[in-house]
Amino acid sequence: MGYALYAAQKGDIDSAAKPMKGFGGASVVEIVAPFAGDAWRAVYTVRFPGAVYVLHAFQKKSKSGRGTPKKEIELIHRRLAAAERDYKERQRLNEDQKKNR
């Protein structure tokens, strides 16, 4: 997962990463990694220029079905909204700093 996140920081997409369904395009990405017989997932977004936000990382516990559980999807949506607020605040602070120079 670390290498896939590093690739995202460089603007690339690792082969373990794929766009997550239900988030409108390829800006929310899921990394699937098997480890010790379990499935682990990390979700990140590249929706904001110059930033990669990791929204969630978890072990997929369900042995049946490939879908992401609803509670995990809801958490990702909340964290995506928080990332958007954070990004906008950082942009505002950067603009204020430029004005004060």
N, C-alpha and C. Protein backbone atom coordinates (compact mmCIF):
# COMPACT_ATOMS: atom_id res chain seq x y z
N MET A 1 0.82 -1.19 0.00
CA MET A 1 0.00 0.00 0.00
C MET A 1 0.87 1.25 0.00
N GLY A 2 1.98 1.17 0.69
CA GLY A 2 2.86 2.33 0.74
C GLY A 2 3.36 2.73 -0.63
N TYR A 3 3.74 1.75 -1.43
CA TYR A 3 4.23 2.08 -2.77
C TYR A 3 3.11 2.66 -3.63
N ALA A 4 1.89 2.14 -3.49
CA ALA A 4 0.77 2.66 -4.27
C ALA A 4 0.48 4.11 -3.89
N LEU A 5 0.62 4.44 -2.62
CA LEU A 5 0.42 5.83 -2.19
C LEU A 5 1.56 6.71 -2.69
N TYR A 6 2.76 6.18 -2.69
CA TYR A 6 3.90 6.93 -3.24
C TYR A 6 3.67 7.21 -4.73
N ALA A 7 3.19 6.22 -5.45
CA ALA A 7 2.90 6.41 -6.87
C ALA A 7 1.86 7.51 -7.05
N ALA A 8 0.84 7.53 -6.19
CA ALA A 8 -0.20 8.57 -6.28
C ALA A 8 0.41 9.95 -6.05
N GLN A 9 1.34 10.06 -5.11
CA GLN A 9 1.99 11.35 -4.86
C GLN A 9 2.77 11.82 -6.08
N LYS A 10 3.27 10.89 -6.86
CA LYS A 10 4.02 11.23 -8.08
C LYS A 10 3.09 11.46 -9.27
N GLY A 11 1.79 11.23 -9.08
CA GLY A 11 0.83 11.41 -10.17
C GLY A 11 0.57 10.15 -10.96
N ASP A 12 1.04 9.01 -10.48
CA ASP A 12 0.84 7.73 -11.16
C ASP A 12 -0.24 6.92 -10.44
N ILE A 13 -0.66 5.83 -11.07
CA ILE A 13 -1.59 4.90 -10.43
C ILE A 13 -0.93 3.53 -10.42
N ASP A 14 -0.78 2.97 -9.24
CA ASP A 14 -0.20 1.64 -9.07
C ASP A 14 -1.17 0.58 -9.57
N SER A 15 -0.65 -0.56 -9.96
CA SER A 15 -1.50 -1.64 -10.47
C SER A 15 -2.45 -2.19 -9.38
N ALA A 16 -2.15 -1.97 -8.11
CA ALA A 16 -3.02 -2.43 -7.03
C ALA A 16 -4.16 -1.44 -6.76
N ALA A 17 -4.15 -0.31 -7.44
CA ALA A 17 -5.15 0.73 -7.20
C ALA A 17 -6.16 0.77 -8.34
N LYS A 18 -7.41 1.06 -7.98
CA LYS A 18 -8.46 1.18 -8.99
C LYS A 18 -9.46 2.23 -8.51
N PRO A 19 -10.12 2.91 -9.45
CA PRO A 19 -11.13 3.89 -9.05
C PRO A 19 -12.23 3.20 -8.24
N MET A 20 -12.68 3.86 -7.20
CA MET A 20 -13.73 3.30 -6.36
C MET A 20 -15.09 3.70 -6.92
N LYS A 21 -15.96 2.75 -7.07
CA LYS A 21 -17.29 3.00 -7.62
C LYS A 21 -18.12 3.84 -6.65
N GLY A 22 -18.96 4.70 -7.24
CA GLY A 22 -19.87 5.48 -6.43
C GLY A 22 -19.35 6.84 -6.01
N PHE A 23 -18.19 7.23 -6.53
CA PHE A 23 -17.61 8.52 -6.16
C PHE A 23 -17.40 9.43 -7.36
N GLY A 24 -18.02 9.11 -8.48
CA GLY A 24 -18.00 10.00 -9.63
C GLY A 24 -16.64 10.17 -10.28
N GLY A 25 -16.15 9.17 -10.92
CA GLY A 25 -14.88 9.28 -11.64
C GLY A 25 -13.75 8.56 -10.95
N ALA A 26 -12.54 8.98 -11.31
CA ALA A 26 -11.35 8.29 -10.82
C ALA A 26 -10.60 9.08 -9.75
N SER A 27 -11.27 10.03 -9.10
CA SER A 27 -10.56 10.83 -8.11
C SER A 27 -10.53 10.20 -6.73
N VAL A 28 -11.36 9.18 -6.49
CA VAL A 28 -11.32 8.41 -5.25
C VAL A 28 -10.88 7.01 -5.65
N VAL A 29 -9.78 6.57 -5.05
CA VAL A 29 -9.12 5.35 -5.50
C VAL A 29 -8.99 4.37 -4.34
N GLU A 30 -9.16 3.10 -4.65
CA GLU A 30 -9.05 2.04 -3.65
C GLU A 30 -7.84 1.16 -3.97
N ILE A 31 -7.07 0.88 -2.94
CA ILE A 31 -5.95 -0.05 -3.05
C ILE A 31 -6.38 -1.33 -2.35
N VAL A 32 -6.25 -2.45 -3.02
CA VAL A 32 -6.59 -3.74 -2.43
C VAL A 32 -5.30 -4.52 -2.27
N ALA A 33 -5.06 -4.99 -1.03
CA ALA A 33 -3.82 -5.71 -0.76
C ALA A 33 -4.11 -6.95 0.09
N PRO A 34 -3.78 -8.12 -0.43
CA PRO A 34 -3.92 -9.32 0.40
C PRO A 34 -2.73 -9.43 1.37
N PHE A 35 -3.01 -9.92 2.58
CA PHE A 35 -1.93 -10.14 3.54
C PHE A 35 -2.38 -11.21 4.52
N ALA A 36 -1.60 -12.24 4.64
CA ALA A 36 -1.84 -13.34 5.58
C ALA A 36 -3.26 -13.90 5.47
N GLY A 37 -3.73 -14.05 4.23
CA GLY A 37 -5.04 -14.63 3.99
C GLY A 37 -6.20 -13.66 4.14
N ASP A 38 -5.92 -12.43 4.49
CA ASP A 38 -6.97 -11.43 4.64
C ASP A 38 -6.87 -10.39 3.52
N ALA A 39 -7.96 -9.64 3.33
CA ALA A 39 -7.96 -8.55 2.35
C ALA A 39 -7.94 -7.23 3.10
N TRP A 40 -7.01 -6.38 2.73
CA TRP A 40 -6.88 -5.05 3.32
C TRP A 40 -7.13 -4.03 2.23
N ARG A 41 -7.71 -2.91 2.62
CA ARG A 41 -8.01 -1.87 1.65
C ARG A 41 -7.62 -0.51 2.22
N ALA A 42 -7.19 0.34 1.33
CA ALA A 42 -6.96 1.74 1.67
C ALA A 42 -7.62 2.56 0.58
N VAL A 43 -8.21 3.67 0.98
CA VAL A 43 -8.92 4.53 0.03
C VAL A 43 -8.31 5.92 0.14
N TYR A 44 -7.99 6.49 -1.00
CA TYR A 44 -7.42 7.84 -1.02
C TYR A 44 -8.06 8.65 -2.13
N THR A 45 -7.84 9.95 -2.07
CA THR A 45 -8.35 10.81 -3.14
C THR A 45 -7.23 11.69 -3.69
N VAL A 46 -7.32 11.90 -4.98
CA VAL A 46 -6.42 12.83 -5.68
C VAL A 46 -7.27 13.94 -6.30
N ARG A 47 -8.41 14.18 -5.71
CA ARG A 47 -9.37 15.17 -6.21
C ARG A 47 -8.82 16.60 -6.14
N PHE A 48 -7.87 16.83 -5.23
CA PHE A 48 -7.39 18.18 -4.98
C PHE A 48 -5.96 18.33 -5.52
N PRO A 49 -5.74 19.31 -6.38
CA PRO A 49 -4.42 19.48 -7.00
C PRO A 49 -3.29 19.60 -5.96
N GLY A 50 -2.24 18.81 -6.17
CA GLY A 50 -1.07 18.89 -5.30
C GLY A 50 -1.23 18.19 -3.97
N ALA A 51 -2.30 17.42 -3.79
CA ALA A 51 -2.53 16.76 -2.50
C ALA A 51 -3.09 15.36 -2.70
N VAL A 52 -2.68 14.45 -1.82
CA VAL A 52 -3.24 13.11 -1.74
C VAL A 52 -3.74 12.95 -0.31
N TYR A 53 -5.02 12.71 -0.16
CA TYR A 53 -5.61 12.49 1.16
C TYR A 53 -5.95 11.02 1.29
N VAL A 54 -5.43 10.36 2.32
CA VAL A 54 -5.84 8.99 2.62
C VAL A 54 -7.11 9.11 3.46
N LEU A 55 -8.19 8.54 2.96
CA LEU A 55 -9.49 8.68 3.59
C LEU A 55 -9.81 7.57 4.57
N HIS A 56 -9.30 6.37 4.30
CA HIS A 56 -9.64 5.23 5.16
C HIS A 56 -8.73 4.06 4.82
N ALA A 57 -8.44 3.25 5.81
CA ALA A 57 -7.73 1.97 5.62
C ALA A 57 -8.39 0.96 6.56
N PHE A 58 -8.67 -0.22 6.04
CA PHE A 58 -9.40 -1.19 6.85
C PHE A 58 -9.20 -2.60 6.31
N GLN A 59 -9.51 -3.56 7.18
CA GLN A 59 -9.51 -4.96 6.79
C GLN A 59 -10.92 -5.32 6.36
N LYS A 60 -11.03 -5.90 5.18
CA LYS A 60 -12.35 -6.35 4.71
C LYS A 60 -12.61 -7.69 5.37
N LYS A 61 -13.62 -7.71 6.21
CA LYS A 61 -13.88 -8.90 7.01
C LYS A 61 -14.83 -9.88 6.35
N SER A 62 -15.71 -9.40 5.50
CA SER A 62 -16.69 -10.28 4.87
C SER A 62 -15.99 -11.24 3.91
N LYS A 63 -16.28 -12.48 4.04
CA LYS A 63 -15.68 -13.48 3.14
C LYS A 63 -16.53 -13.66 1.89
N SER A 64 -17.76 -13.17 1.92
CA SER A 64 -18.62 -13.29 0.75
C SER A 64 -18.82 -11.91 0.13
N GLY A 65 -18.78 -11.86 -1.15
CA GLY A 65 -18.97 -10.60 -1.85
C GLY A 65 -17.70 -9.78 -1.89
N ARG A 66 -17.60 -8.96 -2.92
CA ARG A 66 -16.40 -8.15 -3.10
C ARG A 66 -16.65 -6.69 -2.74
N GLY A 67 -17.91 -6.36 -2.54
CA GLY A 67 -18.26 -4.97 -2.28
C GLY A 67 -17.77 -4.46 -0.94
N THR A 68 -17.66 -3.17 -0.85
CA THR A 68 -17.26 -2.52 0.39
C THR A 68 -18.51 -2.32 1.25
N PRO A 69 -18.44 -2.68 2.52
CA PRO A 69 -19.61 -2.53 3.40
C PRO A 69 -20.10 -1.08 3.46
N LYS A 70 -21.41 -0.93 3.62
CA LYS A 70 -22.05 0.38 3.61
C LYS A 70 -21.46 1.31 4.67
N LYS A 71 -21.18 0.80 5.87
CA LYS A 71 -20.64 1.67 6.93
C LYS A 71 -19.27 2.21 6.54
N GLU A 72 -18.50 1.45 5.81
CA GLU A 72 -17.19 1.92 5.34
C GLU A 72 -17.35 2.99 4.28
N ILE A 73 -18.32 2.80 3.36
CA ILE A 73 -18.60 3.79 2.32
C ILE A 73 -19.05 5.11 2.95
N GLU A 74 -19.92 5.03 3.94
CA GLU A 74 -20.40 6.24 4.61
C GLU A 74 -19.25 6.99 5.28
N LEU A 75 -18.35 6.24 5.92
CA LEU A 75 -17.18 6.85 6.56
C LEU A 75 -16.28 7.53 5.52
N ILE A 76 -16.09 6.89 4.40
CA ILE A 76 -15.28 7.47 3.32
C ILE A 76 -15.90 8.76 2.82
N HIS A 77 -17.22 8.78 2.65
CA HIS A 77 -17.90 10.01 2.22
C HIS A 77 -17.69 11.14 3.23
N ARG A 78 -17.82 10.82 4.52
CA ARG A 78 -17.61 11.85 5.55
C ARG A 78 -16.18 12.37 5.52
N ARG A 79 -15.23 11.47 5.37
CA ARG A 79 -13.83 11.89 5.36
C ARG A 79 -13.48 12.65 4.08
N LEU A 80 -14.12 12.31 2.98
CA LEU A 80 -13.90 13.06 1.75
C LEU A 80 -14.40 14.50 1.92
N ALA A 81 -15.55 14.66 2.55
CA ALA A 81 -16.07 16.00 2.83
C ALA A 81 -15.12 16.77 3.75
N ALA A 82 -14.57 16.09 4.75
CA ALA A 82 -13.61 16.73 5.66
C ALA A 82 -12.34 17.11 4.92
N ALA A 83 -11.89 16.26 4.00
CA ALA A 83 -10.69 16.56 3.21
C ALA A 83 -10.93 17.78 2.34
N GLU A 84 -12.12 17.90 1.79
CA GLU A 84 -12.44 19.06 0.96
C GLU A 84 -12.41 20.35 1.80
N ARG A 85 -12.97 20.29 2.99
CA ARG A 85 -12.92 21.46 3.88
C ARG A 85 -11.48 21.81 4.23
N ASP A 86 -10.68 20.79 4.55
CA ASP A 86 -9.28 21.01 4.89
C ASP A 86 -8.51 21.63 3.72
N TYR A 87 -8.73 21.10 2.54
CA TYR A 87 -8.04 21.60 1.36
C TYR A 87 -8.38 23.06 1.10
N LYS A 88 -9.68 23.39 1.18
CA LYS A 88 -10.11 24.77 0.95
C LYS A 88 -9.50 25.71 1.99
N GLU A 89 -9.44 25.27 3.24
CA GLU A 89 -8.85 26.09 4.29
C GLU A 89 -7.35 26.30 4.04
N ARG A 90 -6.66 25.27 3.62
CA ARG A 90 -5.23 25.41 3.31
C ARG A 90 -5.01 26.37 2.14
N GLN A 91 -5.89 26.29 1.15
CA GLN A 91 -5.77 27.20 0.01
C GLN A 91 -6.00 28.65 0.45
N ARG A 92 -6.98 28.85 1.31
CA ARG A 92 -7.26 30.19 1.83
C ARG A 92 -6.07 30.71 2.63
N LEU A 93 -5.49 29.88 3.47
CA LEU A 93 -4.32 30.30 4.27
C LEU A 93 -3.14 30.63 3.37
N ASN A 94 -2.93 29.83 2.33
CA ASN A 94 -1.83 30.10 1.39
C ASN A 94 -2.03 31.44 0.68
N GLU A 95 -3.27 31.73 0.29
CA GLU A 95 -3.55 33.01 -0.38
C GLU A 95 -3.35 34.17 0.58
N ASP A 96 -3.75 34.01 1.83
CA ASP A 96 -3.54 35.06 2.84
C ASP A 96 -2.06 35.30 3.06
N GLN A 97 -1.27 34.24 3.09
CA GLN A 97 0.18 34.40 3.28
C GLN A 97 0.81 35.15 2.11
N LYS A 98 0.35 34.86 0.90
CA LYS A 98 0.88 35.56 -0.29
C LYS A 98 0.54 37.04 -0.24
N LYS A 99 -0.65 37.37 0.22
CA LYS A 99 -1.07 38.78 0.31
C LYS A 99 -0.24 39.54 1.34
N ASN A 100 0.19 38.85 2.39
CA ASN A 100 0.91 39.49 3.47
C ASN A 100 2.42 39.60 3.22
N ARG A 101 2.88 39.16 2.09
CA ARG A 101 4.32 39.23 1.80
C ARG A 101 4.71 40.59 1.30
